[in-house]
């Protein structure tokens, strides 16, 4: 099976039903373990990205949080949330088919703090300089959770 083509077809079908143009296919030993399109529009869940959903499905099916023997095919280079998810599950390899720069002229996101062109730059800024308002409210009890 051509997993690149399958990933593209999965994303294309999702667009046809009103979804967003992203998809993920997870493969272990030449077999699909899990796959998902981006379901943000359909579920109204901003975390329902294709990578996250497919990783959840694969980990549940394989009964592990480590996908070290899997290859993950994604339609586009991942957003920071998905990149973090990919690092956490530690696949053998991630194969991305297109880049943000390639699809930017055709796809516009509608988030208040998210702009494709500047999002990764936001991560490099000190917290107080980021667009997303964040303040720390320290409490000594919090560290006890980790000590436990």
N, C-alpha and C. Protein backbone atom coordinates (compact mmCIF):
# COMPACT_ATOMS: atom_id res chain seq x y z
N UNK A 1 0.84 -1.19 0.00
CA UNK A 1 0.00 0.00 0.00
C UNK A 1 0.88 1.24 0.00
N UNK A 2 0.47 2.25 -0.73
CA UNK A 2 1.17 3.53 -0.76
C UNK A 2 0.60 4.41 0.35
N UNK A 3 1.32 4.49 1.47
CA UNK A 3 0.82 5.20 2.64
C UNK A 3 0.76 6.71 2.42
N UNK A 4 1.63 7.24 1.59
CA UNK A 4 1.57 8.68 1.26
C UNK A 4 0.25 8.97 0.54
N UNK A 5 -0.05 8.18 -0.48
CA UNK A 5 -1.31 8.37 -1.22
C UNK A 5 -2.52 8.19 -0.30
N UNK A 6 -2.45 7.20 0.57
CA UNK A 6 -3.57 6.94 1.48
C UNK A 6 -3.79 8.13 2.42
N UNK A 7 -2.72 8.73 2.90
CA UNK A 7 -2.82 9.90 3.77
C UNK A 7 -3.47 11.06 3.02
N UNK A 8 -3.04 11.28 1.79
CA UNK A 8 -3.61 12.35 0.97
C UNK A 8 -5.10 12.10 0.72
N UNK A 9 -5.47 10.86 0.41
CA UNK A 9 -6.87 10.52 0.16
C UNK A 9 -7.73 10.73 1.41
N UNK A 10 -7.20 10.37 2.56
CA UNK A 10 -7.92 10.55 3.82
C UNK A 10 -8.19 12.04 4.07
N UNK A 11 -7.20 12.87 3.83
CA UNK A 11 -7.37 14.32 3.99
C UNK A 11 -8.36 14.87 2.97
N UNK A 12 -8.26 14.40 1.74
CA UNK A 12 -9.15 14.88 0.68
C UNK A 12 -10.61 14.54 1.02
N UNK A 13 -10.86 13.32 1.47
CA UNK A 13 -12.22 12.92 1.85
C UNK A 13 -12.73 13.79 3.00
N UNK A 14 -11.85 14.15 3.91
CA UNK A 14 -12.26 14.99 5.04
C UNK A 14 -12.68 16.38 4.56
N UNK A 15 -11.95 16.94 3.62
CA UNK A 15 -12.30 18.26 3.06
C UNK A 15 -13.67 18.19 2.38
N UNK A 16 -13.92 17.10 1.68
CA UNK A 16 -15.19 16.94 0.96
C UNK A 16 -16.39 16.93 1.89
N UNK A 17 -16.21 16.54 3.15
CA UNK A 17 -17.32 16.52 4.10
C UNK A 17 -17.27 17.71 5.07
N UNK A 18 -16.49 18.73 4.72
CA UNK A 18 -16.45 19.95 5.52
C UNK A 18 -15.37 20.01 6.57
N UNK A 19 -14.47 19.03 6.56
CA UNK A 19 -13.38 19.02 7.52
C UNK A 19 -12.16 19.80 7.03
N UNK A 20 -11.14 19.81 7.84
CA UNK A 20 -9.91 20.53 7.51
C UNK A 20 -8.95 19.62 6.77
N UNK A 21 -8.05 20.21 5.99
CA UNK A 21 -7.19 19.43 5.09
C UNK A 21 -5.94 18.82 5.73
N UNK A 22 -6.16 17.94 6.70
CA UNK A 22 -5.04 17.29 7.38
C UNK A 22 -5.42 15.84 7.67
N UNK A 23 -4.43 14.95 7.66
CA UNK A 23 -4.66 13.54 7.97
C UNK A 23 -3.37 12.89 8.45
N UNK A 24 -3.54 11.81 9.19
CA UNK A 24 -2.41 11.05 9.73
C UNK A 24 -2.69 9.56 9.60
N UNK A 25 -1.65 8.82 9.24
CA UNK A 25 -1.72 7.36 9.14
C UNK A 25 -0.52 6.81 9.90
N UNK A 26 -0.79 5.87 10.81
CA UNK A 26 0.27 5.26 11.61
C UNK A 26 0.43 3.81 11.17
N UNK A 27 1.69 3.46 10.85
CA UNK A 27 2.00 2.15 10.27
C UNK A 27 3.00 1.41 11.15
N UNK A 28 2.72 0.13 11.37
CA UNK A 28 3.63 -0.74 12.11
C UNK A 28 3.82 -2.01 11.27
N UNK A 29 5.06 -2.33 10.96
CA UNK A 29 5.38 -3.53 10.17
C UNK A 29 4.57 -3.60 8.87
N UNK A 30 4.44 -2.47 8.20
CA UNK A 30 3.77 -2.43 6.91
C UNK A 30 2.25 -2.46 6.96
N UNK A 31 1.66 -2.42 8.16
CA UNK A 31 0.21 -2.45 8.32
C UNK A 31 -0.27 -1.18 9.02
N UNK A 32 -1.42 -0.67 8.60
CA UNK A 32 -1.99 0.51 9.26
C UNK A 32 -2.53 0.11 10.63
N UNK A 33 -2.04 0.80 11.66
CA UNK A 33 -2.47 0.58 13.03
C UNK A 33 -3.60 1.54 13.38
N UNK A 34 -3.48 2.78 12.89
CA UNK A 34 -4.47 3.81 13.18
C UNK A 34 -4.39 4.88 12.10
N UNK A 35 -5.49 5.57 11.92
CA UNK A 35 -5.51 6.70 10.99
C UNK A 35 -6.62 7.65 11.40
N UNK A 36 -6.46 8.90 11.03
CA UNK A 36 -7.50 9.87 11.33
C UNK A 36 -7.31 11.12 10.49
N UNK A 37 -8.41 11.72 10.07
CA UNK A 37 -8.32 13.07 9.53
C UNK A 37 -8.40 14.05 10.70
N UNK A 38 -8.19 15.30 10.43
CA UNK A 38 -8.40 16.36 11.41
C UNK A 38 -9.91 16.48 11.62
N UNK A 39 -10.36 16.43 12.86
CA UNK A 39 -11.80 16.50 13.15
C UNK A 39 -12.18 17.74 13.96
N UNK A 40 -11.37 18.77 13.92
CA UNK A 40 -11.65 19.99 14.67
C UNK A 40 -13.00 20.59 14.27
N UNK A 41 -13.23 20.76 12.98
CA UNK A 41 -14.47 21.38 12.51
C UNK A 41 -15.69 20.54 12.87
N UNK A 42 -15.57 19.23 12.74
CA UNK A 42 -16.70 18.35 12.99
C UNK A 42 -17.04 18.21 14.47
N UNK A 43 -16.02 18.26 15.34
CA UNK A 43 -16.24 18.01 16.77
C UNK A 43 -16.23 19.28 17.61
N UNK A 44 -15.82 20.39 17.01
CA UNK A 44 -15.67 21.66 17.74
C UNK A 44 -14.64 21.52 18.87
N UNK A 45 -13.67 20.66 18.65
CA UNK A 45 -12.61 20.40 19.61
C UNK A 45 -11.29 20.86 19.00
N UNK A 46 -10.69 21.94 19.51
CA UNK A 46 -9.46 22.45 18.91
C UNK A 46 -8.26 21.52 19.07
N UNK A 47 -8.39 20.47 19.87
CA UNK A 47 -7.29 19.51 20.01
C UNK A 47 -7.48 18.28 19.12
N UNK A 48 -8.53 18.24 18.33
CA UNK A 48 -8.84 17.06 17.50
C UNK A 48 -8.06 17.07 16.19
N UNK A 49 -6.76 17.33 16.29
CA UNK A 49 -5.90 17.30 15.12
C UNK A 49 -5.66 15.84 14.74
N UNK A 50 -5.40 15.62 13.47
CA UNK A 50 -5.24 14.27 12.94
C UNK A 50 -4.15 13.50 13.68
N UNK A 51 -3.01 14.15 13.92
CA UNK A 51 -1.91 13.47 14.60
C UNK A 51 -2.31 13.01 16.00
N UNK A 52 -2.94 13.90 16.75
CA UNK A 52 -3.33 13.59 18.12
C UNK A 52 -4.33 12.44 18.15
N UNK A 53 -5.34 12.50 17.29
CA UNK A 53 -6.37 11.45 17.26
C UNK A 53 -5.79 10.10 16.84
N UNK A 54 -4.94 10.10 15.82
CA UNK A 54 -4.34 8.84 15.37
C UNK A 54 -3.39 8.27 16.42
N UNK A 55 -2.62 9.12 17.07
CA UNK A 55 -1.72 8.66 18.13
C UNK A 55 -2.52 8.05 19.27
N UNK A 56 -3.61 8.70 19.66
CA UNK A 56 -4.46 8.15 20.74
C UNK A 56 -4.98 6.77 20.34
N UNK A 57 -5.46 6.64 19.11
CA UNK A 57 -6.02 5.37 18.64
C UNK A 57 -4.94 4.28 18.61
N UNK A 58 -3.76 4.61 18.08
CA UNK A 58 -2.69 3.62 17.99
C UNK A 58 -2.22 3.19 19.37
N UNK A 59 -2.04 4.12 20.26
CA UNK A 59 -1.57 3.78 21.61
C UNK A 59 -2.59 2.92 22.34
N UNK A 60 -3.85 3.23 22.19
CA UNK A 60 -4.90 2.42 22.83
C UNK A 60 -4.90 1.01 22.24
N UNK A 61 -4.82 0.93 20.93
CA UNK A 61 -4.84 -0.37 20.26
C UNK A 61 -3.62 -1.22 20.63
N UNK A 62 -2.45 -0.59 20.68
CA UNK A 62 -1.20 -1.30 20.97
C UNK A 62 -0.90 -1.40 22.46
N UNK A 63 -1.72 -0.74 23.29
CA UNK A 63 -1.55 -0.77 24.74
C UNK A 63 -0.18 -0.25 25.18
N UNK A 64 0.22 0.89 24.59
CA UNK A 64 1.50 1.52 24.95
C UNK A 64 1.43 3.00 24.63
N UNK A 65 2.26 3.77 25.28
CA UNK A 65 2.38 5.18 24.95
C UNK A 65 3.60 5.44 24.07
N UNK A 66 4.32 4.38 23.74
CA UNK A 66 5.54 4.47 22.95
C UNK A 66 5.33 3.82 21.59
N UNK A 67 5.41 4.61 20.54
CA UNK A 67 5.23 4.08 19.18
C UNK A 67 6.58 3.96 18.47
N UNK A 68 7.57 3.47 19.18
CA UNK A 68 8.95 3.45 18.69
C UNK A 68 9.15 2.55 17.48
N UNK A 69 8.23 1.62 17.23
CA UNK A 69 8.37 0.75 16.06
C UNK A 69 7.36 1.11 14.96
N UNK A 70 6.87 2.34 15.01
CA UNK A 70 5.88 2.79 14.02
C UNK A 70 6.41 3.95 13.18
N UNK A 71 5.89 4.02 11.98
CA UNK A 71 6.12 5.19 11.13
C UNK A 71 4.81 5.96 11.09
N UNK A 72 4.92 7.28 11.14
CA UNK A 72 3.72 8.12 11.15
C UNK A 72 3.75 9.02 9.92
N UNK A 73 2.73 8.89 9.09
CA UNK A 73 2.59 9.70 7.88
C UNK A 73 1.64 10.84 8.19
N UNK A 74 2.07 12.07 7.91
CA UNK A 74 1.22 13.23 8.15
C UNK A 74 1.19 14.07 6.87
N UNK A 75 0.05 14.69 6.62
CA UNK A 75 -0.10 15.44 5.38
C UNK A 75 0.83 16.65 5.34
N UNK A 76 0.99 17.32 6.48
CA UNK A 76 1.79 18.56 6.49
C UNK A 76 2.70 18.59 7.71
N UNK A 77 3.73 19.40 7.63
CA UNK A 77 4.60 19.57 8.79
C UNK A 77 3.74 19.97 9.98
N UNK A 78 4.01 19.42 11.15
CA UNK A 78 3.08 19.54 12.27
C UNK A 78 3.09 20.89 12.97
N UNK A 79 1.94 21.21 13.55
CA UNK A 79 1.84 22.39 14.41
C UNK A 79 2.57 22.06 15.71
N UNK A 80 2.80 23.04 16.57
CA UNK A 80 3.51 22.77 17.83
C UNK A 80 2.83 21.72 18.71
N UNK A 81 1.51 21.72 18.79
CA UNK A 81 0.81 20.73 19.61
C UNK A 81 1.07 19.32 19.07
N UNK A 82 0.95 19.17 17.78
CA UNK A 82 1.16 17.86 17.17
C UNK A 82 2.62 17.45 17.22
N UNK A 83 3.51 18.39 17.05
CA UNK A 83 4.94 18.09 17.15
C UNK A 83 5.26 17.57 18.54
N UNK A 84 4.69 18.21 19.55
CA UNK A 84 4.88 17.73 20.92
C UNK A 84 4.35 16.31 21.10
N UNK A 85 3.19 16.03 20.53
CA UNK A 85 2.60 14.69 20.61
C UNK A 85 3.48 13.67 19.92
N UNK A 86 4.05 14.05 18.79
CA UNK A 86 4.94 13.15 18.06
C UNK A 86 6.21 12.85 18.87
N UNK A 87 6.77 13.87 19.51
CA UNK A 87 7.93 13.64 20.36
C UNK A 87 7.58 12.72 21.52
N UNK A 88 6.42 12.93 22.13
CA UNK A 88 6.03 12.12 23.27
C UNK A 88 5.86 10.65 22.93
N UNK A 89 5.32 10.34 21.76
CA UNK A 89 5.11 8.92 21.42
C UNK A 89 6.34 8.31 20.75
N UNK A 90 7.31 9.11 20.37
CA UNK A 90 8.61 8.66 19.88
C UNK A 90 8.58 7.61 18.77
N UNK A 91 7.97 7.94 17.63
CA UNK A 91 7.93 6.97 16.53
C UNK A 91 9.31 6.75 15.92
N UNK A 92 9.40 5.65 15.17
CA UNK A 92 10.64 5.36 14.44
C UNK A 92 10.95 6.48 13.45
N UNK A 93 9.87 6.96 12.78
CA UNK A 93 10.06 8.01 11.77
C UNK A 93 8.72 8.70 11.53
N UNK A 94 8.80 10.01 11.22
CA UNK A 94 7.63 10.78 10.79
C UNK A 94 7.86 11.19 9.35
N UNK A 95 6.89 10.89 8.51
CA UNK A 95 6.98 11.25 7.10
C UNK A 95 5.95 12.33 6.84
N UNK A 96 6.39 13.55 6.53
CA UNK A 96 5.44 14.62 6.22
C UNK A 96 5.47 14.85 4.72
N UNK A 97 4.30 15.16 4.17
CA UNK A 97 4.14 15.19 2.72
C UNK A 97 4.27 16.59 2.15
N UNK A 98 3.83 17.59 2.90
CA UNK A 98 3.96 18.97 2.45
C UNK A 98 4.37 19.84 3.63
N UNK A 99 4.69 21.09 3.37
CA UNK A 99 5.13 22.00 4.43
C UNK A 99 4.12 23.13 4.62
N UNK A 100 4.23 23.78 5.75
CA UNK A 100 3.38 24.95 6.03
C UNK A 100 3.57 26.00 4.94
N UNK A 101 4.80 26.19 4.53
CA UNK A 101 5.07 27.20 3.50
C UNK A 101 4.40 26.85 2.18
N UNK A 102 4.35 25.55 1.85
CA UNK A 102 3.70 25.12 0.62
C UNK A 102 2.20 25.38 0.62
N UNK A 103 1.54 25.10 1.76
CA UNK A 103 0.09 25.21 1.76
C UNK A 103 -0.44 26.55 2.27
N UNK A 104 0.42 27.40 2.81
CA UNK A 104 -0.02 28.69 3.37
C UNK A 104 -0.84 29.54 2.39
N UNK A 105 -0.51 29.60 1.11
CA UNK A 105 -1.32 30.42 0.21
C UNK A 105 -2.76 29.92 0.04
N UNK A 106 -3.02 28.68 0.44
CA UNK A 106 -4.33 28.08 0.20
C UNK A 106 -5.13 27.82 1.46
N UNK A 107 -4.52 28.00 2.62
CA UNK A 107 -5.20 27.65 3.87
C UNK A 107 -4.96 28.72 4.90
N UNK A 108 -6.02 29.23 5.48
CA UNK A 108 -5.94 30.27 6.50
C UNK A 108 -6.57 29.74 7.78
N UNK A 109 -5.84 29.79 8.87
CA UNK A 109 -6.41 29.37 10.15
C UNK A 109 -7.15 30.55 10.78
N UNK A 110 -8.06 30.27 11.68
CA UNK A 110 -8.92 31.31 12.24
C UNK A 110 -8.76 31.45 13.76
N UNK A 111 -7.56 31.31 14.24
CA UNK A 111 -7.31 31.38 15.68
C UNK A 111 -6.86 32.78 16.09
N UNK A 112 -7.23 33.18 17.28
CA UNK A 112 -6.88 34.50 17.79
C UNK A 112 -5.37 34.68 17.93
N UNK A 113 -4.69 33.69 18.46
CA UNK A 113 -3.25 33.82 18.71
C UNK A 113 -2.40 33.03 17.73
N UNK A 114 -3.02 32.34 16.80
CA UNK A 114 -2.28 31.47 15.90
C UNK A 114 -2.20 32.09 14.51
N UNK A 115 -1.01 32.32 14.05
CA UNK A 115 -0.75 32.72 12.67
C UNK A 115 0.35 31.81 12.16
N UNK A 116 0.09 31.17 11.08
CA UNK A 116 1.02 30.20 10.52
C UNK A 116 2.44 30.76 10.39
N UNK A 117 2.53 31.99 9.94
CA UNK A 117 3.84 32.58 9.66
C UNK A 117 4.65 32.89 10.91
N UNK A 118 3.99 33.08 12.06
CA UNK A 118 4.71 33.55 13.25
C UNK A 118 4.62 32.62 14.45
N UNK A 119 3.90 31.52 14.33
CA UNK A 119 3.62 30.72 15.52
C UNK A 119 4.87 30.16 16.17
N UNK A 120 5.79 29.62 15.39
CA UNK A 120 6.99 29.05 16.00
C UNK A 120 7.86 30.13 16.64
N UNK A 121 7.81 31.33 16.11
CA UNK A 121 8.54 32.44 16.73
C UNK A 121 8.01 32.74 18.13
N UNK A 122 6.71 32.57 18.32
CA UNK A 122 6.09 32.79 19.62
C UNK A 122 6.73 31.91 20.69
N UNK A 123 7.05 30.68 20.35
CA UNK A 123 7.63 29.74 21.30
C UNK A 123 9.01 30.18 21.79
N UNK A 124 9.72 30.91 20.97
CA UNK A 124 11.06 31.36 21.34
C UNK A 124 11.06 32.59 22.23
N UNK A 125 9.93 33.26 22.33
CA UNK A 125 9.85 34.47 23.14
C UNK A 125 9.72 34.11 24.63
N UNK A 126 10.21 35.00 25.50
CA UNK A 126 9.93 34.80 26.93
C UNK A 126 8.40 34.82 27.14
N UNK A 127 7.93 34.11 28.13
CA UNK A 127 6.49 33.98 28.35
C UNK A 127 5.80 35.35 28.41
N UNK A 128 6.41 36.30 29.07
CA UNK A 128 5.77 37.62 29.23
C UNK A 128 5.68 38.40 27.92
N UNK A 129 6.41 37.99 26.89
CA UNK A 129 6.37 38.68 25.60
C UNK A 129 5.47 37.99 24.57
N UNK A 130 4.89 36.87 24.94
CA UNK A 130 4.03 36.14 23.99
C UNK A 130 2.67 36.82 23.85
N UNK A 131 2.02 36.55 22.74
CA UNK A 131 0.71 37.12 22.47
C UNK A 131 -0.36 36.56 23.40
N UNK A 132 -0.23 35.29 23.77
CA UNK A 132 -1.19 34.65 24.66
C UNK A 132 -0.92 35.13 26.08
N UNK A 133 -1.87 35.81 26.71
CA UNK A 133 -1.64 36.29 28.08
C UNK A 133 -1.48 35.12 29.05
N UNK A 134 -0.36 35.09 29.75
CA UNK A 134 -0.09 34.04 30.74
C UNK A 134 0.55 34.68 31.97
N UNK A 135 0.08 34.28 33.15
CA UNK A 135 0.69 34.73 34.40
C UNK A 135 0.85 33.52 35.30
N UNK A 136 1.94 33.47 36.02
CA UNK A 136 2.15 32.38 36.97
C UNK A 136 1.53 32.76 38.29
N UNK A 137 0.85 31.82 38.92
CA UNK A 137 0.31 32.01 40.25
C UNK A 137 0.85 30.89 41.12
N UNK A 138 2.06 31.09 41.69
CA UNK A 138 2.73 30.03 42.44
C UNK A 138 1.96 29.64 43.70
N UNK A 139 2.10 28.37 44.08
CA UNK A 139 1.50 27.86 45.31
C UNK A 139 2.37 26.69 45.75
N UNK A 140 2.84 26.73 46.98
CA UNK A 140 3.74 25.70 47.50
C UNK A 140 3.13 24.30 47.45
N UNK A 141 1.82 24.19 47.51
CA UNK A 141 1.16 22.89 47.49
C UNK A 141 1.34 22.17 46.15
N UNK A 142 1.54 22.93 45.09
CA UNK A 142 1.64 22.32 43.77
C UNK A 142 2.82 21.37 43.67
N UNK A 143 3.95 21.73 44.23
CA UNK A 143 5.14 20.89 44.13
C UNK A 143 4.98 19.56 44.88
N UNK A 144 4.08 19.54 45.85
CA UNK A 144 3.84 18.32 46.63
C UNK A 144 3.25 17.22 45.75
N UNK A 145 2.54 17.60 44.71
CA UNK A 145 2.00 16.62 43.76
C UNK A 145 3.15 15.87 43.10
N UNK A 146 4.19 16.58 42.73
CA UNK A 146 5.35 15.97 42.08
C UNK A 146 6.20 15.20 43.10
N UNK A 147 6.30 15.72 44.31
CA UNK A 147 7.06 15.02 45.34
C UNK A 147 6.41 13.68 45.67
N UNK A 148 5.12 13.64 45.62
CA UNK A 148 4.37 12.40 45.90
C UNK A 148 4.72 11.37 44.87
